[in-house]
Amino acid sequence: MVYNRIPIEFGKSSRVTGKPINYQYDEKQILVITGLDLPEYYTVDFCNEGDEETIPAVGTADGVQIPSDVMQNGKNVKAYVVLTGEDEDVQTRYEITVPVIGRPRRTDVEPTPEEQQTIDELIAAMNQAVTESGANAEEAERQAGIAGEHAENAEGKATLAESWAVGGTGTRPGEDNDNAKHYAELAAQGAEESGYAWFDVDDSDGHMYIYISDNLSEDVTFAVNESTGHLEITYN
């Protein structure tokens, strides 16, 4: 059984510091009174504003339940905290006003068992949809996080590849002298200094020709060995 707990807090002036609002026909309303030095058990008299009689209820440290009768007419609820002295003299010590907002009354027509089952199933389906929606949102957020991590990893790998290929990324010490482009330039410089040879197919006759750079042409000779048919290199 679920009760609605209404906090009632008294300040130093023995006045209520907050006035929670309730609606007409609300049930199971519990006043939880704090800020007062109350005994373990005490009495609270309830009525509506303008009533000439009250309905007593027993309060404890957990609070006191508002009688359902005073929630039926839409009028503000008055609560009087009553303490009994040693000589059993009754004293009204505190007064509480609980504002009540009027609202239309629920119909007295009870739904058939089939109608009630339909209502219950509809409510259960809507609650399930809300639960699944929340779970899907959490999963989508998780997947988005994973995708973000993969994107960061991919970006990092791309940067590393660029560093080893051409340098200039600032991610590795000495990367500008330790990359494929740098070594290729060194190789080209070495070939330019020592000389080099290359093969090329002439589109006009379909023959392959050997070309030798000038600084190597005097030192190297290419010739076909007539006995083997192999191309051989002779160093002069």
C-alpha atoms as a PDB file:
ATOM      1  CA  MET A   1       0.000   0.000   0.000  1.00  0.00           C
ATOM      2  CA  VAL A   2       1.494   3.335  -1.107  1.00  0.00           C
ATOM      3  CA  TYR A   3       1.034   6.482   0.988  1.00  0.00           C
ATOM      4  CA  ASN A   4       1.754  10.064  -0.011  1.00  0.00           C
ATOM      5  CA  ARG A   5       3.961  11.615   2.644  1.00  0.00           C
ATOM      6  CA  ILE A   6       3.374  15.351   3.126  1.00  0.00           C
ATOM      7  CA  PRO A   7       6.223  17.120   4.988  1.00  0.00           C
ATOM      8  CA  ILE A   8       5.092  19.724   7.532  1.00  0.00           C
ATOM      9  CA  GLU A   9       8.026  21.650   8.989  1.00  0.00           C
ATOM     10  CA  PHE A  10       7.737  24.091  11.869  1.00  0.00           C
ATOM     11  CA  GLY A  11      10.201  26.939  12.252  1.00  0.00           C
ATOM     12  CA  LYS A  12      11.397  28.694  15.406  1.00  0.00           C
ATOM     13  CA  SER A  13       8.198  30.747  15.567  1.00  0.00           C
ATOM     14  CA  SER A  14       6.064  27.579  15.728  1.00  0.00           C
ATOM     15  CA  ARG A  15       4.622  28.437  12.321  1.00  0.00           C
ATOM     16  CA  VAL A  16       4.562  26.134   9.347  1.00  0.00           C
ATOM     17  CA  THR A  17       7.342  27.148   6.938  1.00  0.00           C
ATOM     18  CA  GLY A  18       5.739  25.425   3.927  1.00  0.00           C
ATOM     19  CA  LYS A  19       2.182  24.586   2.927  1.00  0.00           C
ATOM     20  CA  PRO A  20       2.063  21.604   0.580  1.00  0.00           C
ATOM     21  CA  ILE A  21      -0.923  21.514  -1.783  1.00  0.00           C
ATOM     22  CA  ASN A  22      -3.173  18.467  -2.225  1.00  0.00           C
ATOM     23  CA  TYR A  23      -6.054  17.649  -4.530  1.00  0.00           C
ATOM     24  CA  GLN A  24      -9.622  16.781  -3.659  1.00  0.00           C
ATOM     25  CA  TYR A  25     -10.329  13.022  -3.389  1.00  0.00           C
ATOM     26  CA  ASP A  26      -6.657  12.220  -2.720  1.00  0.00           C
ATOM     27  CA  GLU A  27      -6.281   9.319  -0.320  1.00  0.00           C
ATOM     28  CA  LYS A  28      -3.636   7.878   1.975  1.00  0.00           C
ATOM     29  CA  GLN A  29      -2.181  11.300   2.760  1.00  0.00           C
ATOM     30  CA  ILE A  30       0.314  11.268   5.656  1.00  0.00           C
ATOM     31  CA  LEU A  31       1.367  14.439   7.465  1.00  0.00           C
ATOM     32  CA  VAL A  32       4.984  14.134   8.595  1.00  0.00           C
ATOM     33  CA  ILE A  33       5.489  16.813  11.237  1.00  0.00           C
ATOM     34  CA  THR A  34       9.025  18.008  11.993  1.00  0.00           C
ATOM     35  CA  GLY A  35      10.483  20.871  14.010  1.00  0.00           C
ATOM     36  CA  LEU A  36       8.354  20.144  17.112  1.00  0.00           C
ATOM     37  CA  ASP A  37       9.173  18.328  20.339  1.00  0.00           C
ATOM     38  CA  LEU A  38       6.310  15.823  20.175  1.00  0.00           C
ATOM     39  CA  PRO A  39       5.830  12.704  22.327  1.00  0.00           C
ATOM     40  CA  GLU A  40       5.943   9.248  20.830  1.00  0.00           C
ATOM     41  CA  TYR A  41       2.152   9.299  20.429  1.00  0.00           C
ATOM     42  CA  TYR A  42      -0.089  12.341  20.126  1.00  0.00           C
ATOM     43  CA  THR A  43      -3.487  13.342  18.769  1.00  0.00           C
ATOM     44  CA  VAL A  44      -4.312  15.395  15.695  1.00  0.00           C
ATOM     45  CA  ASP A  45      -7.878  16.640  15.122  1.00  0.00           C
ATOM     46  CA  PHE A  46      -8.860  17.084  11.464  1.00  0.00           C
ATOM     47  CA  CYS A  47     -11.680  19.015   9.819  1.00  0.00           C
ATOM     48  CA  ASN A  48     -12.410  21.283   6.897  1.00  0.00           C
ATOM     49  CA  GLU A  49     -12.368  25.032   7.176  1.00  0.00           C
ATOM     50  CA  GLY A  50     -15.710  26.153   8.662  1.00  0.00           C
ATOM     51  CA  ASP A  51     -16.594  22.745  10.173  1.00  0.00           C
ATOM     52  CA  GLU A  52     -17.913  22.632  13.744  1.00  0.00           C
ATOM     53  CA  GLU A  53     -16.607  19.135  14.521  1.00  0.00           C
ATOM     54  CA  THR A  54     -13.264  17.422  14.074  1.00  0.00           C
ATOM     55  CA  ILE A  55     -12.121  13.865  13.409  1.00  0.00           C
ATOM     56  CA  PRO A  56      -9.323  12.675  15.719  1.00  0.00           C
ATOM     57  CA  ALA A  57      -6.361  10.614  14.544  1.00  0.00           C
ATOM     58  CA  VAL A  58      -3.330   9.227  16.360  1.00  0.00           C
ATOM     59  CA  GLY A  59       0.064  10.521  15.292  1.00  0.00           C
ATOM     60  CA  THR A  60       3.494   8.933  15.713  1.00  0.00           C
ATOM     61  CA  ALA A  61       7.061   9.735  14.742  1.00  0.00           C
ATOM     62  CA  ASP A  62       6.203   8.454  11.240  1.00  0.00           C
ATOM     63  CA  GLY A  63       3.364  10.974  10.860  1.00  0.00           C
ATOM     64  CA  VAL A  64      -0.420  10.960  10.977  1.00  0.00           C
ATOM     65  CA  GLN A  65      -2.878   9.953   8.272  1.00  0.00           C
ATOM     66  CA  ILE A  66      -5.429  12.531   7.097  1.00  0.00           C
ATOM     67  CA  PRO A  67      -8.954  11.060   7.265  1.00  0.00           C
ATOM     68  CA  SER A  68     -10.400  10.508   3.777  1.00  0.00           C
ATOM     69  CA  ASP A  69     -13.654  12.294   4.735  1.00  0.00           C
ATOM     70  CA  VAL A  70     -11.971  15.708   4.918  1.00  0.00           C
ATOM     71  CA  MET A  71     -10.508  15.271   1.408  1.00  0.00           C
ATOM     72  CA  GLN A  72     -13.878  14.812  -0.294  1.00  0.00           C
ATOM     73  CA  ASN A  73     -15.332  18.333  -0.521  1.00  0.00           C
ATOM     74  CA  GLY A  74     -12.412  20.321  -1.927  1.00  0.00           C
ATOM     75  CA  LYS A  75     -12.061  22.602   1.111  1.00  0.00           C
ATOM     76  CA  ASN A  76      -8.775  23.274   2.868  1.00  0.00           C
ATOM     77  CA  VAL A  77      -7.942  20.835   5.644  1.00  0.00           C
ATOM     78  CA  LYS A  78      -7.329  22.068   9.190  1.00  0.00           C
ATOM     79  CA  ALA A  79      -5.204  19.968  11.536  1.00  0.00           C
ATOM     80  CA  TYR A  80      -4.896  20.691  15.275  1.00  0.00           C
ATOM     81  CA  VAL A  81      -2.079  19.036  17.207  1.00  0.00           C
ATOM     82  CA  VAL A  82      -3.482  18.160  20.635  1.00  0.00           C
ATOM     83  CA  LEU A  83      -1.305  17.237  23.608  1.00  0.00           C
ATOM     84  CA  THR A  84      -2.598  15.770  26.859  1.00  0.00           C
ATOM     85  CA  GLY A  85      -0.977  16.954  30.077  1.00  0.00           C
ATOM     86  CA  GLU A  86      -0.218  14.991  33.232  1.00  0.00           C
ATOM     87  CA  ASP A  87      -3.672  15.796  34.630  1.00  0.00           C
ATOM     88  CA  GLU A  88      -5.213  14.626  31.344  1.00  0.00           C
ATOM     89  CA  ASP A  89      -6.023  18.191  30.437  1.00  0.00           C
ATOM     90  CA  VAL A  90      -6.328  18.615  26.671  1.00  0.00           C
ATOM     91  CA  GLN A  91      -4.424  21.460  25.051  1.00  0.00           C
ATOM     92  CA  THR A  92      -4.404  22.443  21.397  1.00  0.00           C
ATOM     93  CA  ARG A  93      -0.791  23.348  20.780  1.00  0.00           C
ATOM     94  CA  TYR A  94      -0.367  23.755  17.040  1.00  0.00           C
ATOM     95  CA  GLU A  95      -2.541  24.447  13.992  1.00  0.00           C
ATOM     96  CA  ILE A  96      -1.803  23.326  10.444  1.00  0.00           C
ATOM     97  CA  THR A  97      -3.576  24.321   7.235  1.00  0.00           C
ATOM     98  CA  VAL A  98      -3.267  22.035   4.226  1.00  0.00           C
ATOM     99  CA  PRO A  99      -4.508  23.737   1.019  1.00  0.00           C
ATOM    100  CA  VAL A 100      -6.734  21.509  -1.110  1.00  0.00           C
ATOM    101  CA  ILE A 101      -7.495  22.146  -4.780  1.00  0.00           C
ATOM    102  CA  GLY A 102     -10.891  21.005  -6.001  1.00  0.00           C
ATOM    103  CA  ARG A 103     -11.157  18.762  -9.043  1.00  0.00           C
ATOM    104  CA  PRO A 104     -13.885  16.770 -10.853  1.00  0.00           C
ATOM    105  CA  ARG A 105     -14.994  13.592  -9.160  1.00  0.00           C
ATOM    106  CA  ARG A 106     -14.242  10.237 -10.710  1.00  0.00           C
ATOM    107  CA  THR A 107     -17.250   8.405 -12.087  1.00  0.00           C
ATOM    108  CA  ASP A 108     -18.966   5.885  -9.868  1.00  0.00           C
ATOM    109  CA  VAL A 109     -19.339   3.527 -12.836  1.00  0.00           C
ATOM    110  CA  GLU A 110     -16.978   0.624 -12.320  1.00  0.00           C
ATOM    111  CA  PRO A 111     -15.323  -0.830 -15.445  1.00  0.00           C
ATOM    112  CA  THR A 112     -16.168  -4.396 -16.346  1.00  0.00           C
ATOM    113  CA  PRO A 113     -13.463  -7.022 -15.702  1.00  0.00           C
ATOM    114  CA  GLU A 114     -12.703  -7.034 -19.433  1.00  0.00           C
ATOM    115  CA  GLU A 115     -12.425  -3.234 -19.525  1.00  0.00           C
ATOM    116  CA  GLN A 116     -10.235  -3.190 -16.429  1.00  0.00           C
ATOM    117  CA  GLN A 117      -7.989  -5.858 -17.958  1.00  0.00           C
ATOM    118  CA  THR A 118      -7.664  -3.748 -21.103  1.00  0.00           C
ATOM    119  CA  ILE A 119      -6.769  -0.699 -19.022  1.00  0.00           C
ATOM    120  CA  ASP A 120      -4.201  -2.658 -17.006  1.00  0.00           C
ATOM    121  CA  GLU A 121      -2.645  -4.128 -20.151  1.00  0.00           C
ATOM    122  CA  LEU A 122      -2.474  -0.701 -21.782  1.00  0.00           C
ATOM    123  CA  ILE A 123      -0.755   0.826 -18.755  1.00  0.00           C
ATOM    124  CA  ALA A 124       1.679  -2.111 -18.553  1.00  0.00           C
ATOM    125  CA  ALA A 125       2.461  -1.776 -22.277  1.00  0.00           C
ATOM    126  CA  MET A 126       3.122   1.955 -21.943  1.00  0.00           C
ATOM    127  CA  ASN A 127       5.384   1.420 -18.925  1.00  0.00           C
ATOM    128  CA  GLN A 128       7.250  -1.310 -20.805  1.00  0.00           C
ATOM    129  CA  ALA A 129       7.680   1.025 -23.783  1.00  0.00           C
ATOM    130  CA  VAL A 130       9.109   3.709 -21.515  1.00  0.00           C
ATOM    131  CA  THR A 131      11.508   1.184 -19.950  1.00  0.00           C
ATOM    132  CA  GLU A 132      12.668  -0.116 -23.337  1.00  0.00           C
ATOM    133  CA  SER A 133      13.015   3.420 -24.654  1.00  0.00           C
ATOM    134  CA  GLY A 134      15.299   4.257 -21.756  1.00  0.00           C
ATOM    135  CA  ALA A 135      17.327   1.083 -22.326  1.00  0.00           C
ATOM    136  CA  ASN A 136      17.615   1.829 -26.061  1.00  0.00           C
ATOM    137  CA  ALA A 137      18.758   5.349 -25.316  1.00  0.00           C
ATOM    138  CA  GLU A 138      21.453   4.020 -22.985  1.00  0.00           C
ATOM    139  CA  GLU A 139      22.591   1.493 -25.621  1.00  0.00           C
ATOM    140  CA  ALA A 140      22.676   4.182 -28.307  1.00  0.00           C
ATOM    141  CA  GLU A 141      24.778   6.360 -26.031  1.00  0.00           C
ATOM    142  CA  ARG A 142      27.124   3.433 -25.361  1.00  0.00           C
ATOM    143  CA  GLN A 143      27.481   2.657 -29.075  1.00  0.00           C
ATOM    144  CA  ALA A 144      28.115   6.333 -29.794  1.00  0.00           C
ATOM    145  CA  GLY A 145      30.900   6.271 -27.227  1.00  0.00           C
ATOM    146  CA  ILE A 146      32.428   3.173 -28.850  1.00  0.00           C
ATOM    147  CA  ALA A 147      32.191   4.794 -32.297  1.00  0.00           C
ATOM    148  CA  GLY A 148      33.886   7.888 -30.929  1.00  0.00           C
ATOM    149  CA  GLU A 149      36.721   5.767 -29.522  1.00  0.00           C
ATOM    150  CA  HIS A 150      37.122   3.963 -32.870  1.00  0.00           C
ATOM    151  CA  ALA A 151      37.183   7.297 -34.681  1.00  0.00           C
ATOM    152  CA  GLU A 152      39.880   8.570 -32.331  1.00  0.00           C
ATOM    153  CA  ASN A 153      41.883   5.359 -32.831  1.00  0.00           C
ATOM    154  CA  ALA A 154      41.530   5.601 -36.608  1.00  0.00           C
ATOM    155  CA  GLU A 155      42.619   9.231 -36.559  1.00  0.00           C
ATOM    156  CA  GLY A 156      45.591   8.329 -34.398  1.00  0.00           C
ATOM    157  CA  LYS A 157      46.624   5.522 -36.760  1.00  0.00           C
ATOM    158  CA  ALA A 158      46.275   7.804 -39.775  1.00  0.00           C
ATOM    159  CA  THR A 159      48.501  10.393 -38.099  1.00  0.00           C
ATOM    160  CA  LEU A 160      51.072   7.722 -37.233  1.00  0.00           C
ATOM    161  CA  ALA A 161      51.065   6.455 -40.820  1.00  0.00           C
ATOM    162  CA  GLU A 162      51.608   9.986 -42.099  1.00  0.00           C
ATOM    163  CA  SER A 163      54.459  10.399 -39.618  1.00  0.00           C
ATOM    164  CA  TRP A 164      56.263   7.316 -40.934  1.00  0.00           C
ATOM    165  CA  ALA A 165      55.493   8.196 -44.548  1.00  0.00           C
ATOM    166  CA  VAL A 166      56.406  11.872 -44.802  1.00  0.00           C
ATOM    167  CA  GLY A 167      56.859  13.227 -41.247  1.00  0.00           C
ATOM    168  CA  GLY A 168      55.793  16.704 -40.235  1.00  0.00           C
ATOM    169  CA  THR A 169      53.074  15.631 -37.755  1.00  0.00           C
ATOM    170  CA  GLY A 170      54.969  16.395 -34.562  1.00  0.00           C
ATOM    171  CA  THR A 171      54.000  13.044 -33.009  1.00  0.00           C
ATOM    172  CA  ARG A 172      57.411  11.303 -33.025  1.00  0.00           C
ATOM    173  CA  PRO A 173      60.844  12.626 -32.062  1.00  0.00           C
ATOM    174  CA  GLY A 174      63.031  12.962 -35.161  1.00  0.00           C
ATOM    175  CA  GLU A 175      60.219  11.954 -37.501  1.00  0.00           C
ATOM    176  CA  ASP A 176      61.373  14.423 -40.175  1.00  0.00           C
ATOM    177  CA  ASN A 177      64.602  12.404 -40.500  1.00  0.00           C
ATOM    178  CA  ASP A 178      63.015   9.014 -39.984  1.00  0.00           C
ATOM    179  CA  ASN A 179      60.344   8.458 -42.636  1.00  0.00           C
ATOM    180  CA  ALA A 180      59.889   6.878 -46.030  1.00  0.00           C
ATOM    181  CA  LYS A 181      60.045  10.189 -47.899  1.00  0.00           C
ATOM    182  CA  HIS A 182      63.352  11.109 -46.255  1.00  0.00           C
ATOM    183  CA  TYR A 183      64.944   7.766 -47.109  1.00  0.00           C
ATOM    184  CA  ALA A 184      63.662   7.947 -50.682  1.00  0.00           C
ATOM    185  CA  GLU A 185      65.252  11.368 -51.091  1.00  0.00           C
ATOM    186  CA  LEU A 186      68.529  10.018 -49.705  1.00  0.00           C
ATOM    187  CA  ALA A 187      68.358   7.089 -52.114  1.00  0.00           C
ATOM    188  CA  ALA A 188      67.708   9.446 -55.022  1.00  0.00           C
ATOM    189  CA  GLN A 189      70.644  11.589 -54.015  1.00  0.00           C
ATOM    190  CA  GLY A 190      72.875   8.518 -53.798  1.00  0.00           C
ATOM    191  CA  ALA A 191      71.768   7.304 -57.215  1.00  0.00           C
ATOM    192  CA  GLU A 192      72.326  10.748 -58.699  1.00  0.00           C
ATOM    193  CA  GLU A 193      75.865  10.825 -57.354  1.00  0.00           C
ATOM    194  CA  SER A 194      76.882   7.257 -58.218  1.00  0.00           C
ATOM    195  CA  GLY A 195      74.895   6.955 -61.419  1.00  0.00           C
ATOM    196  CA  TYR A 196      72.024   4.747 -62.391  1.00  0.00           C
ATOM    197  CA  ALA A 197      70.479   2.790 -65.252  1.00  0.00           C
ATOM    198  CA  TRP A 198      66.898   2.308 -66.288  1.00  0.00           C
ATOM    199  CA  PHE A 199      64.890   0.279 -68.783  1.00  0.00           C
ATOM    200  CA  ASP A 200      62.212   1.644 -71.065  1.00  0.00           C
ATOM    201  CA  VAL A 201      60.018   0.157 -73.792  1.00  0.00           C
ATOM    202  CA  ASP A 202      59.866   2.123 -77.027  1.00  0.00           C
ATOM    203  CA  ASP A 203      56.227   2.403 -78.103  1.00  0.00           C
ATOM    204  CA  SER A 204      57.191   2.709 -81.758  1.00  0.00           C
ATOM    205  CA  ASP A 205      58.950  -0.637 -82.130  1.00  0.00           C
ATOM    206  CA  GLY A 206      58.051  -2.481 -78.913  1.00  0.00           C
ATOM    207  CA  HIS A 207      61.698  -3.015 -77.993  1.00  0.00           C
ATOM    208  CA  MET A 208      63.147  -2.524 -74.534  1.00  0.00           C
ATOM    209  CA  TYR A 209      66.177  -0.243 -74.332  1.00  0.00           C
ATOM    210  CA  ILE A 210      68.730   0.299 -71.574  1.00  0.00           C
ATOM    211  CA  TYR A 211      69.658   3.856 -70.632  1.00  0.00           C
ATOM    212  CA  ILE A 212      72.641   4.733 -68.442  1.00  0.00           C
ATOM    213  CA  SER A 213      73.281   8.042 -66.730  1.00  0.00           C
ATOM    214  CA  ASP A 214      76.355   9.942 -67.917  1.00  0.00           C
ATOM    215  CA  ASN A 215      78.335   9.497 -64.730  1.00  0.00           C
ATOM    216  CA  LEU A 216      77.928   5.721 -65.017  1.00  0.00           C
ATOM    217  CA  SER A 217      78.168   5.132 -68.755  1.00  0.00           C
ATOM    218  CA  GLU A 218      81.980   4.957 -68.784  1.00  0.00           C
ATOM    219  CA  ASP A 219      82.122   2.425 -65.945  1.00  0.00           C
ATOM    220  CA  VAL A 220      79.354  -0.006 -66.812  1.00  0.00           C
ATOM    221  CA  THR A 221      78.543  -1.893 -69.993  1.00  0.00           C
ATOM    222  CA  PHE A 222      75.394  -3.945 -70.654  1.00  0.00           C
ATOM    223  CA  ALA A 223      75.737  -6.802 -73.175  1.00  0.00           C
ATOM    224  CA  VAL A 224      73.893 -10.008 -74.117  1.00  0.00           C
ATOM    225  CA  ASN A 225      75.817 -13.229 -73.607  1.00  0.00           C
ATOM    226  CA  GLU A 226      75.437 -15.020 -76.947  1.00  0.00           C
ATOM    227  CA  SER A 227      75.915 -18.464 -75.405  1.00  0.00           C
ATOM    228  CA  THR A 228      73.322 -18.056 -72.679  1.00  0.00           C
ATOM    229  CA  GLY A 229      71.105 -15.285 -74.044  1.00  0.00           C
ATOM    230  CA  HIS A 230      71.286 -13.505 -70.684  1.00  0.00           C
ATOM    231  CA  LEU A 231      71.804  -9.801 -70.243  1.00  0.00           C
ATOM    232  CA  GLU A 232      75.043  -9.230 -68.390  1.00  0.00           C
ATOM    233  CA  ILE A 233      76.628  -6.200 -66.764  1.00  0.00           C
ATOM    234  CA  THR A 234      80.307  -5.573 -67.205  1.00  0.00           C
ATOM    235  CA  TYR A 235      82.188  -3.115 -64.993  1.00  0.00           C
ATOM    236  CA  ASN A 236      85.038  -1.385 -66.795  1.00  0.00           C
END
